[in-house]
Structure formats: structure tokens, C-alpha cells
Amino acid sequence: MAPNDRAPGPDGSQAVKRTLGGLSGIALGLRELRNEGWGTGHAARRAGLRPRHGYLAVGAAQT
């Protein structure tokens, strides 16, 4: 399901398109965070990350 793939009707409404676009943005943001090296299992400790960043990632992924 992509925001632009919806047919006319309730599934094609702007609200549904915005929601799908937002969910897509969450997935892209998580991918970017991981690709920056924060989730790739590096042994070196990464500076700047706190438990709240982990909670954000988990909560976003659950959505």
C-alpha cells in the first residue's frame, strides 16, 4: 500500500493518504537511523544516544 495507489472512495481520501505517507516516513526514518551505524552491532560505544532513542525506535516500529 502506497499513498498514491489508493482508488477513489474512502481509501483514496486525503486522510488515508496522509496516514500512509506518515507510516512510510516512520519506516524510512528508522532505516536511516540504522544505516548511520546506530543499530548495526558495532562494538564501540556510540555517543549521544539515550534510552529514549531506543524507546522511540521501538514505539515507531510497533506502529
Protein backbone atom coordinates (compact mmCIF):
# COMPACT_ATOMS: atom_id res chain seq x y z
CA MET A 1 0.00 0.00 0.00
CA ALA A 2 1.40 3.32 -1.03
CA PRO A 3 -0.29 6.70 -0.52
CA ASN A 4 -0.69 7.25 -4.26
CA ASP A 5 -2.01 3.75 -5.03
CA ARG A 6 -5.43 4.19 -3.44
CA ALA A 7 -8.54 4.16 -5.63
CA PRO A 8 -11.27 6.80 -5.40
CA GLY A 9 -13.51 6.40 -2.36
CA PRO A 10 -12.71 6.20 1.34
CA ASP A 11 -9.34 4.55 0.73
CA GLY A 12 -8.37 7.35 -1.63
CA SER A 13 -9.15 10.15 0.83
CA GLN A 14 -6.52 12.68 1.78
CA ALA A 15 -6.66 11.47 5.39
CA VAL A 16 -5.78 7.91 4.35
CA LYS A 17 -3.05 9.15 2.01
CA ARG A 18 -1.53 11.30 4.78
CA THR A 19 -1.65 8.40 7.24
CA LEU A 20 0.05 6.02 4.80
CA GLY A 21 2.63 8.68 3.99
CA GLY A 22 3.32 9.19 7.69
CA LEU A 23 3.80 5.47 8.27
CA SER A 24 6.13 5.33 5.29
CA GLY A 25 8.09 8.22 6.81
CA ILE A 26 8.47 6.28 10.08
CA ALA A 27 9.92 3.29 8.24
CA LEU A 28 12.32 5.49 6.28
CA GLY A 29 13.43 7.30 9.45
CA LEU A 30 14.15 4.02 11.23
CA ARG A 31 16.11 2.78 8.23
CA GLU A 32 18.17 5.97 8.15
CA LEU A 33 18.92 5.73 11.88
CA ARG A 34 20.06 2.14 11.50
CA ASN A 35 22.11 2.85 8.37
CA GLU A 36 24.01 5.57 10.20
CA GLY A 37 25.51 2.75 12.24
CA TRP A 38 23.42 3.06 15.36
CA GLY A 39 21.77 -0.34 15.01
CA THR A 40 24.39 -2.41 13.24
CA GLY A 41 26.04 -4.04 16.26
CA HIS A 42 29.26 -2.03 16.34
CA ALA A 43 31.33 -2.78 19.42
CA ALA A 44 32.33 0.83 20.03
CA ARG A 45 30.01 2.78 22.26
CA ARG A 46 28.05 5.43 20.37
CA ALA A 47 27.88 8.88 21.91
CA GLY A 48 24.66 10.83 22.15
CA LEU A 49 22.13 8.03 22.23
CA ARG A 50 19.98 7.61 25.30
CA PRO A 51 17.32 5.09 26.27
CA ARG A 52 14.69 7.49 24.89
CA HIS A 53 16.09 6.91 21.39
CA GLY A 54 15.58 3.17 21.82
CA TYR A 55 12.04 3.73 23.08
CA LEU A 56 11.37 5.97 20.08
CA ALA A 57 12.62 3.32 17.64
CA VAL A 58 10.66 0.51 19.30
CA GLY A 59 7.47 2.55 19.56
CA ALA A 60 7.74 3.67 15.95
CA ALA A 61 8.36 0.13 14.77
CA GLN A 62 5.35 -1.13 16.71
CA THR A 63 3.19 1.44 14.95
